[in-house]
């Protein structure tokens, strides 16, 4: 476990939360950010996998399904990490919780 050098600015709920404590603390805003990151990755996958894309012009066949799946998965994972970071920050007192706003 790393050592945090900054002092918490808000009320500390749990100084060392485990995985499920952080996930159970997700707020509606966390889920919204997760969904937006996932949805933002969809057009990237469509553009990257289009058969007329100059980046993939030399590859034979259509890469749409595979690139769409990969970029959507990456966007979903990035959104989850963003939500996890916000939730853990609220529990450890580095971000304000809903009760403190």
N, C-alpha and C. Protein backbone atom coordinates (compact mmCIF):
# COMPACT_ATOMS: atom_id res chain seq x y z
N UNK A 1 0.85 -1.17 0.00
CA UNK A 1 0.00 0.00 0.00
C UNK A 1 0.90 1.24 0.00
N UNK A 2 0.56 2.19 -0.81
CA UNK A 2 1.34 3.40 -0.90
C UNK A 2 1.08 4.33 0.27
N UNK A 3 1.95 5.30 0.41
CA UNK A 3 1.81 6.29 1.48
C UNK A 3 1.30 7.58 0.86
N UNK A 4 0.21 8.09 1.39
CA UNK A 4 -0.39 9.32 0.89
C UNK A 4 0.19 10.48 1.67
N UNK A 5 0.80 11.42 0.97
CA UNK A 5 1.47 12.53 1.63
C UNK A 5 0.55 13.71 1.88
N UNK A 6 -0.53 13.83 1.14
CA UNK A 6 -1.46 14.94 1.31
C UNK A 6 -2.40 14.67 2.47
N UNK A 7 -2.77 15.73 3.16
CA UNK A 7 -3.75 15.61 4.23
C UNK A 7 -5.15 15.72 3.64
N UNK A 8 -6.09 14.90 4.09
CA UNK A 8 -7.47 15.00 3.59
C UNK A 8 -8.09 16.33 3.97
N UNK A 9 -8.83 16.92 3.04
CA UNK A 9 -9.48 18.21 3.28
C UNK A 9 -10.90 18.04 3.79
N UNK A 10 -11.46 16.86 3.65
CA UNK A 10 -12.84 16.62 4.02
C UNK A 10 -12.90 15.50 5.05
N UNK A 11 -14.09 15.19 5.50
CA UNK A 11 -14.28 14.16 6.51
C UNK A 11 -13.87 12.79 5.97
N UNK A 12 -13.02 12.09 6.72
CA UNK A 12 -12.56 10.76 6.32
C UNK A 12 -13.59 9.73 6.79
N UNK A 13 -14.15 8.99 5.84
CA UNK A 13 -15.10 7.93 6.16
C UNK A 13 -14.36 6.62 6.38
N UNK A 14 -13.40 6.32 5.51
CA UNK A 14 -12.62 5.09 5.59
C UNK A 14 -11.24 5.40 5.02
N UNK A 15 -10.22 5.33 5.85
CA UNK A 15 -8.88 5.72 5.40
C UNK A 15 -8.23 4.69 4.47
N UNK A 16 -8.69 3.45 4.52
CA UNK A 16 -8.13 2.40 3.67
C UNK A 16 -9.26 1.48 3.19
N UNK A 17 -10.09 1.97 2.25
CA UNK A 17 -11.24 1.16 1.82
C UNK A 17 -10.82 0.00 0.92
N UNK A 18 -11.55 -1.10 1.04
CA UNK A 18 -11.29 -2.23 0.15
C UNK A 18 -12.10 -2.06 -1.14
N UNK A 19 -11.93 -2.99 -2.07
CA UNK A 19 -12.53 -2.87 -3.40
C UNK A 19 -14.04 -2.73 -3.34
N UNK A 20 -14.71 -3.64 -2.62
CA UNK A 20 -16.17 -3.65 -2.62
C UNK A 20 -16.75 -2.46 -1.85
N UNK A 21 -16.03 -1.93 -0.87
CA UNK A 21 -16.49 -0.73 -0.19
C UNK A 21 -16.51 0.45 -1.15
N UNK A 22 -15.46 0.56 -1.95
CA UNK A 22 -15.39 1.65 -2.93
C UNK A 22 -16.47 1.49 -3.99
N UNK A 23 -16.67 0.28 -4.49
CA UNK A 23 -17.67 0.05 -5.54
C UNK A 23 -19.08 0.31 -5.00
N UNK A 24 -19.35 -0.10 -3.77
CA UNK A 24 -20.67 0.14 -3.18
C UNK A 24 -20.92 1.61 -2.89
N UNK A 25 -19.87 2.43 -2.89
CA UNK A 25 -20.00 3.86 -2.63
C UNK A 25 -20.18 4.67 -3.92
N UNK A 26 -20.27 4.02 -5.07
CA UNK A 26 -20.46 4.74 -6.33
C UNK A 26 -21.74 5.57 -6.25
N UNK A 27 -21.64 6.81 -6.71
CA UNK A 27 -22.82 7.68 -6.75
C UNK A 27 -23.40 7.68 -8.17
N UNK A 28 -24.51 8.37 -8.32
CA UNK A 28 -25.13 8.48 -9.64
C UNK A 28 -24.19 9.18 -10.62
N UNK A 29 -23.46 10.17 -10.13
CA UNK A 29 -22.48 10.86 -10.98
C UNK A 29 -21.35 9.95 -11.43
N UNK A 30 -20.96 9.02 -10.57
CA UNK A 30 -19.92 8.06 -10.95
C UNK A 30 -20.42 7.15 -12.06
N UNK A 31 -21.64 6.66 -11.92
CA UNK A 31 -22.21 5.81 -12.97
C UNK A 31 -22.39 6.60 -14.27
N UNK A 32 -22.74 7.87 -14.16
CA UNK A 32 -22.90 8.70 -15.35
C UNK A 32 -21.55 8.88 -16.06
N UNK A 33 -20.50 9.15 -15.30
CA UNK A 33 -19.17 9.28 -15.90
C UNK A 33 -18.69 8.00 -16.55
N UNK A 34 -19.01 6.88 -15.91
CA UNK A 34 -18.65 5.57 -16.46
C UNK A 34 -19.36 5.35 -17.79
N UNK A 35 -20.65 5.66 -17.83
CA UNK A 35 -21.42 5.48 -19.06
C UNK A 35 -20.95 6.43 -20.16
N UNK A 36 -20.63 7.67 -19.81
CA UNK A 36 -20.18 8.63 -20.82
C UNK A 36 -18.83 8.22 -21.41
N UNK A 37 -17.93 7.72 -20.58
CA UNK A 37 -16.64 7.27 -21.10
C UNK A 37 -16.82 6.08 -22.04
N UNK A 38 -17.74 5.19 -21.69
CA UNK A 38 -18.00 4.04 -22.55
C UNK A 38 -18.61 4.49 -23.87
N UNK A 39 -19.58 5.39 -23.80
CA UNK A 39 -20.24 5.86 -25.02
C UNK A 39 -19.32 6.72 -25.88
N UNK A 40 -18.39 7.44 -25.26
CA UNK A 40 -17.46 8.26 -26.03
C UNK A 40 -16.49 7.41 -26.83
N UNK A 41 -16.27 6.17 -26.40
CA UNK A 41 -15.35 5.29 -27.12
C UNK A 41 -15.99 4.65 -28.35
N UNK A 42 -17.30 4.65 -28.43
CA UNK A 42 -17.98 4.00 -29.56
C UNK A 42 -17.66 4.67 -30.89
N UNK A 43 -17.76 6.01 -31.02
CA UNK A 43 -17.42 6.62 -32.31
C UNK A 43 -15.95 6.42 -32.69
N UNK A 44 -15.08 6.35 -31.70
CA UNK A 44 -13.67 6.10 -32.00
C UNK A 44 -13.51 4.73 -32.63
N UNK A 45 -14.21 3.75 -32.09
CA UNK A 45 -14.16 2.40 -32.66
C UNK A 45 -14.75 2.34 -34.05
N UNK A 46 -15.81 3.09 -34.27
CA UNK A 46 -16.43 3.10 -35.60
C UNK A 46 -15.50 3.75 -36.61
N UNK A 47 -14.88 4.86 -36.24
CA UNK A 47 -13.95 5.53 -37.15
C UNK A 47 -12.70 4.70 -37.40
N UNK A 48 -12.21 4.05 -36.37
CA UNK A 48 -10.99 3.25 -36.53
C UNK A 48 -11.24 2.00 -37.36
N UNK A 49 -12.44 1.45 -37.29
CA UNK A 49 -12.71 0.21 -37.99
C UNK A 49 -13.37 0.35 -39.33
N UNK A 50 -13.66 1.58 -39.74
CA UNK A 50 -14.31 1.77 -41.03
C UNK A 50 -13.38 1.31 -42.15
N UNK A 51 -13.93 0.65 -43.14
CA UNK A 51 -13.10 0.11 -44.22
C UNK A 51 -12.49 1.21 -45.08
N UNK A 52 -13.05 2.40 -45.04
CA UNK A 52 -12.52 3.51 -45.82
C UNK A 52 -11.52 4.35 -45.03
N UNK A 53 -11.22 3.94 -43.81
CA UNK A 53 -10.28 4.68 -42.99
C UNK A 53 -8.88 4.60 -43.59
N UNK A 54 -8.21 5.73 -43.76
CA UNK A 54 -6.86 5.68 -44.35
C UNK A 54 -5.86 4.96 -43.46
N UNK A 55 -6.10 4.92 -42.18
CA UNK A 55 -5.16 4.24 -41.28
C UNK A 55 -5.16 2.74 -41.51
N UNK A 56 -6.29 2.17 -41.91
CA UNK A 56 -6.40 0.73 -42.12
C UNK A 56 -6.65 0.39 -43.59
N UNK A 57 -6.23 1.24 -44.50
CA UNK A 57 -6.52 1.03 -45.92
C UNK A 57 -5.84 -0.21 -46.47
N UNK A 58 -4.71 -0.60 -45.92
CA UNK A 58 -3.98 -1.75 -46.46
C UNK A 58 -4.45 -3.07 -45.86
N UNK A 59 -5.24 -3.03 -44.82
CA UNK A 59 -5.72 -4.26 -44.20
C UNK A 59 -6.96 -4.72 -44.96
N UNK A 60 -6.95 -5.95 -45.39
CA UNK A 60 -8.10 -6.45 -46.12
C UNK A 60 -9.20 -6.85 -45.15
N UNK A 61 -10.42 -6.64 -45.54
CA UNK A 61 -11.55 -7.00 -44.69
C UNK A 61 -11.99 -5.83 -43.82
N UNK A 62 -13.13 -6.02 -43.21
CA UNK A 62 -13.70 -4.97 -42.38
C UNK A 62 -13.31 -5.20 -40.93
N UNK A 63 -12.75 -4.19 -40.31
CA UNK A 63 -12.29 -4.28 -38.92
C UNK A 63 -13.30 -3.65 -37.95
N UNK A 64 -14.50 -3.36 -38.42
CA UNK A 64 -15.44 -2.61 -37.61
C UNK A 64 -15.81 -3.32 -36.31
N UNK A 65 -16.17 -4.58 -36.38
CA UNK A 65 -16.63 -5.28 -35.18
C UNK A 65 -15.53 -5.40 -34.14
N UNK A 66 -14.34 -5.77 -34.57
CA UNK A 66 -13.26 -5.96 -33.61
C UNK A 66 -12.79 -4.63 -33.01
N UNK A 67 -12.65 -3.60 -33.84
CA UNK A 67 -12.20 -2.31 -33.30
C UNK A 67 -13.28 -1.68 -32.42
N UNK A 68 -14.53 -1.88 -32.77
CA UNK A 68 -15.61 -1.36 -31.94
C UNK A 68 -15.63 -2.06 -30.58
N UNK A 69 -15.42 -3.36 -30.58
CA UNK A 69 -15.38 -4.10 -29.32
C UNK A 69 -14.21 -3.70 -28.44
N UNK A 70 -13.04 -3.53 -29.06
CA UNK A 70 -11.85 -3.17 -28.28
C UNK A 70 -11.97 -1.77 -27.71
N UNK A 71 -12.35 -0.79 -28.53
CA UNK A 71 -12.42 0.58 -28.03
C UNK A 71 -13.54 0.75 -27.01
N UNK A 72 -14.65 0.06 -27.18
CA UNK A 72 -15.72 0.14 -26.19
C UNK A 72 -15.28 -0.49 -24.88
N UNK A 73 -14.55 -1.58 -24.94
CA UNK A 73 -14.03 -2.20 -23.72
C UNK A 73 -13.04 -1.28 -23.01
N UNK A 74 -12.16 -0.66 -23.77
CA UNK A 74 -11.20 0.27 -23.18
C UNK A 74 -11.92 1.46 -22.57
N UNK A 75 -12.91 2.00 -23.26
CA UNK A 75 -13.69 3.11 -22.72
C UNK A 75 -14.44 2.73 -21.46
N UNK A 76 -15.01 1.53 -21.44
CA UNK A 76 -15.71 1.06 -20.26
C UNK A 76 -14.78 0.88 -19.07
N UNK A 77 -13.60 0.34 -19.32
CA UNK A 77 -12.63 0.16 -18.25
C UNK A 77 -12.13 1.51 -17.74
N UNK A 78 -11.88 2.45 -18.65
CA UNK A 78 -11.45 3.79 -18.24
C UNK A 78 -12.53 4.48 -17.43
N UNK A 79 -13.79 4.32 -17.83
CA UNK A 79 -14.89 4.91 -17.07
C UNK A 79 -15.01 4.30 -15.69
N UNK A 80 -14.81 2.98 -15.59
CA UNK A 80 -14.84 2.33 -14.28
C UNK A 80 -13.73 2.86 -13.39
N UNK A 81 -12.53 3.01 -13.93
CA UNK A 81 -11.41 3.53 -13.13
C UNK A 81 -11.67 4.97 -12.69
N UNK A 82 -12.30 5.77 -13.54
CA UNK A 82 -12.65 7.14 -13.17
C UNK A 82 -13.66 7.15 -12.02
N UNK A 83 -14.69 6.30 -12.11
CA UNK A 83 -15.69 6.21 -11.05
C UNK A 83 -15.06 5.69 -9.76
N UNK A 84 -14.18 4.71 -9.87
CA UNK A 84 -13.51 4.13 -8.71
C UNK A 84 -12.64 5.18 -8.01
N UNK A 85 -11.92 5.98 -8.80
CA UNK A 85 -11.07 7.03 -8.25
C UNK A 85 -11.89 8.06 -7.50
N UNK A 86 -13.01 8.47 -8.06
CA UNK A 86 -13.86 9.45 -7.39
C UNK A 86 -14.46 8.89 -6.11
N UNK A 87 -14.91 7.66 -6.14
CA UNK A 87 -15.51 7.04 -4.97
C UNK A 87 -14.49 6.86 -3.86
N UNK A 88 -13.30 6.38 -4.20
CA UNK A 88 -12.25 6.21 -3.20
C UNK A 88 -11.81 7.56 -2.64
N UNK A 89 -11.76 8.58 -3.47
CA UNK A 89 -11.41 9.92 -2.99
C UNK A 89 -12.42 10.46 -2.00
N UNK A 90 -13.69 10.19 -2.21
CA UNK A 90 -14.71 10.62 -1.25
C UNK A 90 -14.58 9.87 0.07
N UNK A 91 -14.33 8.57 0.00
CA UNK A 91 -14.20 7.78 1.22
C UNK A 91 -12.97 8.18 2.03
N UNK A 92 -11.88 8.51 1.36
CA UNK A 92 -10.65 8.85 2.06
C UNK A 92 -10.54 10.32 2.41
N UNK A 93 -11.54 11.12 2.05
CA UNK A 93 -11.57 12.52 2.44
C UNK A 93 -10.86 13.48 1.50
N UNK A 94 -10.53 13.05 0.31
CA UNK A 94 -9.86 13.94 -0.64
C UNK A 94 -10.83 14.66 -1.56
N UNK A 95 -12.05 14.18 -1.64
CA UNK A 95 -13.11 14.81 -2.42
C UNK A 95 -14.33 14.96 -1.53
N UNK A 96 -15.14 15.99 -1.76
CA UNK A 96 -16.33 16.16 -0.92
C UNK A 96 -17.38 15.09 -1.22
N UNK A 97 -18.02 14.60 -0.19
CA UNK A 97 -19.12 13.65 -0.38
C UNK A 97 -20.40 14.43 -0.62
N UNK A 98 -21.47 13.73 -0.97
CA UNK A 98 -22.74 14.39 -1.26
C UNK A 98 -23.27 15.13 -0.03
N UNK A 99 -23.00 14.61 1.15
CA UNK A 99 -23.49 15.23 2.38
C UNK A 99 -22.77 16.54 2.69
N UNK A 100 -21.55 16.71 2.19
CA UNK A 100 -20.76 17.90 2.49
C UNK A 100 -20.94 19.01 1.46
N UNK A 101 -21.67 18.75 0.39
CA UNK A 101 -21.82 19.77 -0.65
C UNK A 101 -22.98 20.68 -0.37
